[in-house]
Protein backbone atom coordinates (compact mmCIF):
# COMPACT_ATOMS: atom_id res chain seq x y z
CA UNK A 1 0.00 0.00 0.00
CA UNK A 2 1.16 3.50 -0.68
CA UNK A 3 2.57 4.88 2.60
CA UNK A 4 0.19 7.85 2.29
CA UNK A 5 -2.63 5.38 3.04
CA UNK A 6 -1.08 3.93 6.20
CA UNK A 7 -2.81 4.60 9.48
CA UNK A 8 -0.82 6.58 12.02
CA UNK A 9 0.82 4.15 14.48
CA UNK A 10 -1.43 5.33 17.33
CA UNK A 11 -4.58 4.56 15.30
CA UNK A 12 -3.15 1.25 14.10
CA UNK A 13 -2.57 0.15 17.70
CA UNK A 14 -6.15 1.06 18.60
CA UNK A 15 -7.38 -1.29 15.85
CA UNK A 16 -5.22 -4.08 17.34
CA UNK A 17 -6.80 -3.50 20.76
CA UNK A 18 -10.18 -4.37 19.23
CA UNK A 19 -9.00 -7.89 18.30
CA UNK A 20 -10.36 -10.59 20.58
CA UNK A 21 -7.34 -12.88 21.03
CA UNK A 22 -8.38 -14.60 24.25
CA UNK A 23 -6.15 -17.51 25.21
CA UNK A 24 -9.14 -19.61 26.29
CA UNK A 25 -11.28 -19.00 23.18
CA UNK A 26 -11.65 -22.41 21.46
CA UNK A 27 -12.35 -20.79 18.07
CA UNK A 28 -9.23 -18.67 18.24
CA UNK A 29 -7.16 -21.68 19.32
CA UNK A 30 -8.49 -23.65 16.32
CA UNK A 31 -7.48 -20.75 14.08
CA UNK A 32 -3.95 -20.64 15.55
CA UNK A 33 -3.64 -24.42 15.25
CA UNK A 34 -3.35 -23.94 11.49
CA UNK A 35 0.23 -22.88 12.24
CA UNK A 36 0.84 -24.55 15.61
CA UNK A 37 0.17 -28.13 14.47
CA UNK A 38 2.61 -28.28 11.52
CA UNK A 39 5.19 -26.28 13.47
CA UNK A 40 5.04 -28.56 16.51
CA UNK A 41 5.66 -31.57 14.25
CA UNK A 42 9.12 -30.10 13.64
CA UNK A 43 10.00 -29.05 17.19
CA UNK A 44 11.09 -30.90 20.28
CA UNK A 45 10.00 -29.99 23.81
CA UNK A 46 12.23 -27.44 25.47
CA UNK A 47 13.10 -25.53 22.32
CA UNK A 48 13.10 -21.77 22.70
CA UNK A 49 10.93 -19.65 20.48
CA UNK A 50 9.85 -16.09 19.88
CA UNK A 51 6.24 -15.17 19.16
CA UNK A 52 7.01 -12.11 17.03
CA UNK A 53 4.10 -9.66 16.79
CA UNK A 54 1.97 -11.56 19.29
CA UNK A 55 -0.43 -8.66 19.82
CA UNK A 56 -2.21 -8.00 23.10
CA UNK A 57 -3.02 -11.63 23.87
CA UNK A 58 -0.23 -14.23 23.73
CA UNK A 59 -2.53 -17.16 22.87
CA UNK A 60 -0.12 -18.92 20.49
CA UNK A 61 2.71 -18.69 23.03
CA UNK A 62 0.49 -20.32 25.65
CA UNK A 63 -0.52 -23.07 23.23
CA UNK A 64 3.12 -23.83 22.37
CA UNK A 65 4.11 -23.74 26.05
CA UNK A 66 1.37 -26.29 26.75
CA UNK A 67 3.29 -28.57 24.37
CA UNK A 68 6.59 -28.09 26.19
CA UNK A 69 8.10 -25.16 24.31
CA UNK A 70 9.72 -22.15 25.98
CA UNK A 71 8.21 -19.08 24.30
CA UNK A 72 8.97 -15.38 24.67
CA UNK A 73 6.53 -12.78 23.36
CA UNK A 74 7.47 -9.70 21.38
CA UNK A 75 5.20 -7.03 19.99
CA UNK A 76 6.25 -3.41 19.38
CA UNK A 77 2.98 -2.14 20.89
CA UNK A 78 2.19 -4.65 23.64
CA UNK A 79 5.44 -6.49 24.55
CA UNK A 80 8.18 -4.06 23.41
CA UNK A 81 11.24 -5.80 24.90
CA UNK A 82 14.04 -5.24 22.37
CA UNK A 83 16.33 -7.67 24.21
CA UNK A 84 14.74 -10.40 22.05
CA UNK A 85 16.89 -9.12 19.18
CA UNK A 86 20.13 -9.84 21.05
CA UNK A 87 19.85 -13.63 21.06
CA UNK A 88 19.15 -16.59 18.77
CA UNK A 89 15.91 -18.54 18.71
CA UNK A 90 15.17 -22.15 17.75
CA UNK A 91 11.91 -21.02 16.17
CA UNK A 92 9.99 -17.83 15.53
CA UNK A 93 6.28 -17.48 14.88
CA UNK A 94 4.49 -14.66 13.03
CA UNK A 95 0.75 -15.22 12.98
CA UNK A 96 -1.19 -12.54 11.15
CA UNK A 97 1.82 -10.20 11.34
CA UNK A 98 3.61 -9.87 8.01
CA UNK A 99 0.68 -8.12 6.32
CA UNK A 100 1.22 -5.21 8.76
CA UNK A 101 4.94 -4.66 8.07
CA UNK A 102 6.02 -1.24 6.89
CA UNK A 103 9.46 -2.61 5.92
CA UNK A 104 8.84 -6.29 5.16
CA UNK A 105 12.23 -7.15 3.68
CA UNK A 106 14.00 -5.36 6.53
CA UNK A 107 11.98 -7.32 9.10
CA UNK A 108 12.69 -10.63 7.36
CA UNK A 109 16.41 -9.79 7.47
CA UNK A 110 16.02 -8.94 11.17
CA UNK A 111 14.31 -12.29 11.79
CA UNK A 112 17.03 -14.09 9.85
CA UNK A 113 19.64 -12.50 12.13
CA UNK A 114 17.98 -13.87 15.28
CA UNK A 115 16.84 -17.27 13.98
CA UNK A 116 19.38 -19.90 14.92
CA UNK A 117 20.96 -22.29 12.43
CA UNK A 118 18.48 -25.06 11.68
CA UNK A 119 15.66 -22.90 13.02
CA UNK A 120 12.11 -22.58 11.74
CA UNK A 121 10.14 -19.40 11.05
CA UNK A 122 6.41 -20.13 11.03
CA UNK A 123 4.25 -17.58 9.23
CA UNK A 124 0.50 -17.41 8.87
CA UNK A 125 -1.11 -14.81 6.61
CA UNK A 126 -3.87 -14.92 4.03
CA UNK A 127 -2.10 -15.53 0.71
CA UNK A 128 -3.13 -13.24 -2.12
CA UNK A 129 -4.11 -15.44 -5.05
CA UNK A 130 -6.44 -13.77 -7.53
CA UNK A 131 -5.94 -10.25 -8.88
CA UNK A 132 -9.44 -10.12 -10.36
CA UNK A 133 -10.96 -10.58 -6.88
CA UNK A 134 -8.52 -8.35 -5.00
CA UNK A 135 -10.80 -5.29 -4.90
CA UNK A 136 -13.49 -7.24 -2.97
CA UNK A 137 -11.08 -9.38 -0.92
CA UNK A 138 -11.99 -9.16 2.79
CA UNK A 139 -8.35 -9.28 3.88
CA UNK A 140 -7.33 -6.10 2.09
CA UNK A 141 -10.18 -4.17 3.71
CA UNK A 142 -8.49 -4.20 7.12
CA UNK A 143 -6.90 -0.72 7.29
CA UNK A 144 -3.84 -2.15 9.07
CA UNK A 145 -3.09 -4.64 6.26
CA UNK A 146 -0.65 -2.82 4.01
CA UNK A 147 1.28 -5.58 2.20
CA UNK A 148 0.11 -8.89 0.77
CA UNK A 149 1.98 -12.03 -0.21
CA UNK A 150 1.61 -14.62 -2.87
CA UNK A 151 3.12 -18.06 -2.44
CA UNK A 152 5.65 -17.07 -5.15
CA UNK A 153 6.69 -14.06 -3.03
CA UNK A 154 7.38 -16.33 -0.07
CA UNK A 155 9.46 -18.61 -2.31
CA UNK A 156 11.44 -15.56 -3.45
CA UNK A 157 12.04 -14.58 0.19
CA UNK A 158 13.26 -18.09 1.00
CA UNK A 159 15.75 -18.04 -1.88
CA UNK A 160 16.84 -14.49 -1.05
CA UNK A 161 17.56 -15.45 2.57
CA UNK A 162 19.07 -18.85 1.81
CA UNK A 163 16.20 -20.69 3.49
CA UNK A 164 13.94 -23.48 2.28
CA UNK A 165 10.16 -23.13 2.30
CA UNK A 166 7.37 -25.53 3.09
CA UNK A 167 3.66 -24.72 2.68
CA UNK A 168 2.02 -27.37 4.91
CA UNK A 169 -1.50 -25.97 4.57
CA UNK A 170 -3.42 -23.02 3.19
CA UNK A 171 -2.03 -19.64 4.33
CA UNK A 172 0.80 -21.19 6.37
CA UNK A 173 4.49 -21.04 5.50
CA UNK A 174 7.36 -22.71 7.35
CA UNK A 175 10.75 -21.27 6.47
CA UNK A 176 13.73 -23.44 7.39
CA UNK A 177 17.12 -21.85 8.01
CA UNK A 178 19.84 -24.34 7.13
CA UNK A 179 22.37 -25.59 9.63
CA UNK A 180 25.95 -24.53 8.92
CA UNK A 181 26.82 -28.02 7.64
CA UNK A 182 23.70 -27.97 5.40
CA UNK A 183 24.70 -24.52 4.11
CA UNK A 184 28.25 -25.72 3.30
CA UNK A 185 26.86 -28.75 1.45
CA UNK A 186 24.57 -26.51 -0.59
CA UNK A 187 27.49 -24.33 -1.71
CA UNK A 188 29.63 -27.34 -2.69
CA UNK A 189 26.97 -29.07 -4.80
């Protein structure tokens, strides 16, 4: 979206406060399971993760902790602890976050810098698929949604960052950062 159409940050945060992200809401938990289930298949209990852009209610973090993960929340409006950028994480989640980014490539580089070797970045966003239906697409009507992604865009990001990409289900992407040995093997082949 043209930056002239972006909401001021104060107004954007007020929209986020209207979201009902209650940890105990079974419907919201089902929604988050679209990402949690395929991600958990690739993790082992005790791994340390970052819920990046968790919003006012850390429901996904709680769900992952219930499965034995150690999860820290970060959100620039609600959990603004910048110390999360000074360490490495085994996994990072971004549920309904990347469509809000004012500098998407910069943020993906930032996430790459803090995702440990062999780590997984789990992303959930509504993929943009059909230009002819874009004007009436419900997802683009949210005034805080300013950038949209096609599956091809996510593949480009993976190549750009040296990651691999898996799309385990609709609107879910799992980016895999190679281990150093994997990275060396890729360069040799």
